[in-house]
Amino acid sequence: MKTTSSTYPLRLPISLKAAAERLSKQDGASLNQFVVLAVAEKISAMETATFFEERAKKGNRETLRRILSRKKGGEPPRPGDEILD
């Protein structure tokens, strides 16, 4: 699989660049790798929030209330779903 990339001139405040350099060195990564990972994490967080916002719009409060108010009992937990004390 071929990976493509592009360059982007980035201007950082001196204090932010110093912190990123220090943390990337601690992590054993280049500053470029550190910045790429930071951007990827931010995008992931924002897209995850959007995903859950969209899912919430599809929710049905009446169905939720019905599920939460149903009588105890029902099916026993499936293997691996038991609550361990």
Protein backbone atom coordinates (compact mmCIF):
# COMPACT_ATOMS: atom_id res chain seq x y z
CA MET A 1 0.00 0.00 0.00
CA LYS A 2 1.42 3.36 -0.99
CA THR A 3 1.16 6.15 1.54
CA THR A 4 0.93 9.69 0.31
CA SER A 5 1.59 12.79 2.31
CA SER A 6 1.95 16.51 1.87
CA THR A 7 3.91 19.17 3.65
CA TYR A 8 2.38 21.97 5.64
CA PRO A 9 4.39 24.86 7.09
CA LEU A 10 3.41 25.08 10.73
CA ARG A 11 4.02 28.05 13.00
CA LEU A 12 3.97 27.26 16.70
CA PRO A 13 4.51 29.55 19.66
CA ILE A 14 7.99 28.94 21.06
CA SER A 15 6.65 27.54 24.35
CA LEU A 16 4.33 25.10 22.58
CA LYS A 17 7.08 23.91 20.25
CA ALA A 18 9.44 23.41 23.21
CA ALA A 19 6.83 21.33 25.04
CA ALA A 20 6.12 19.26 21.93
CA GLU A 21 9.85 18.66 21.40
CA ARG A 22 10.30 17.61 25.03
CA LEU A 23 7.34 15.22 24.95
CA SER A 24 8.24 13.74 21.56
CA LYS A 25 11.77 13.09 22.82
CA GLN A 26 10.38 11.38 25.96
CA ASP A 27 8.19 9.25 23.70
CA GLY A 28 11.07 8.35 21.38
CA ALA A 29 9.40 9.93 18.39
CA SER A 30 10.36 12.71 16.03
CA LEU A 31 8.64 16.04 16.39
CA ASN A 32 6.91 15.38 13.05
CA GLN A 33 5.56 12.01 14.27
CA PHE A 34 4.39 13.64 17.49
CA VAL A 35 2.52 16.42 15.65
CA VAL A 36 0.95 13.95 13.21
CA LEU A 37 -0.27 11.80 16.12
CA ALA A 38 -1.62 14.85 17.96
CA VAL A 39 -3.60 15.95 14.90
CA ALA A 40 -4.89 12.38 14.37
CA GLU A 41 -6.03 12.16 18.01
CA LYS A 42 -7.85 15.49 17.78
CA ILE A 43 -9.61 14.49 14.55
CA SER A 44 -10.60 11.16 16.10
CA ALA A 45 -12.05 12.87 19.18
CA MET A 46 -14.05 15.33 17.13
CA GLU A 47 -15.36 12.69 14.73
CA THR A 48 -16.29 10.44 17.65
CA ALA A 49 -18.32 13.26 19.18
CA THR A 50 -20.07 13.82 15.85
CA PHE A 51 -20.80 10.08 15.57
CA PHE A 52 -22.50 10.03 18.98
CA GLU A 53 -24.42 13.23 18.26
CA GLU A 54 -25.81 11.63 15.11
CA ARG A 55 -26.66 8.41 16.99
CA ALA A 56 -28.42 10.40 19.71
CA LYS A 57 -30.68 12.02 17.10
CA LYS A 58 -31.90 8.55 16.12
CA GLY A 59 -32.77 7.64 19.71
CA ASN A 60 -36.33 7.22 20.93
CA ARG A 61 -37.08 8.34 24.48
CA GLU A 62 -40.27 6.31 24.68
CA THR A 63 -38.40 3.11 23.79
CA LEU A 64 -35.73 3.96 26.35
CA ARG A 65 -38.34 4.49 29.08
CA ARG A 66 -40.00 1.19 28.17
CA ILE A 67 -36.69 -0.67 28.37
CA LEU A 68 -35.69 0.96 31.66
CA SER A 69 -39.07 0.29 33.30
CA ARG A 70 -39.44 -3.36 32.30
CA LYS A 71 -39.69 -5.97 35.02
CA LYS A 72 -36.59 -7.70 36.26
CA GLY A 73 -35.91 -11.16 35.04
CA GLY A 74 -35.85 -11.84 31.37
CA GLU A 75 -32.92 -13.64 29.84
CA PRO A 76 -29.97 -14.68 31.97
CA PRO A 77 -26.65 -13.06 31.08
CA ARG A 78 -24.88 -14.55 28.11
CA PRO A 79 -21.57 -16.28 28.82
CA GLY A 80 -18.98 -13.59 29.56
CA ASP A 81 -21.60 -10.96 30.44
CA GLU A 82 -22.01 -11.98 34.09
CA ILE A 83 -21.32 -9.39 36.79
CA LEU A 84 -18.37 -10.52 38.86
CA ASP A 85 -18.20 -9.49 42.52
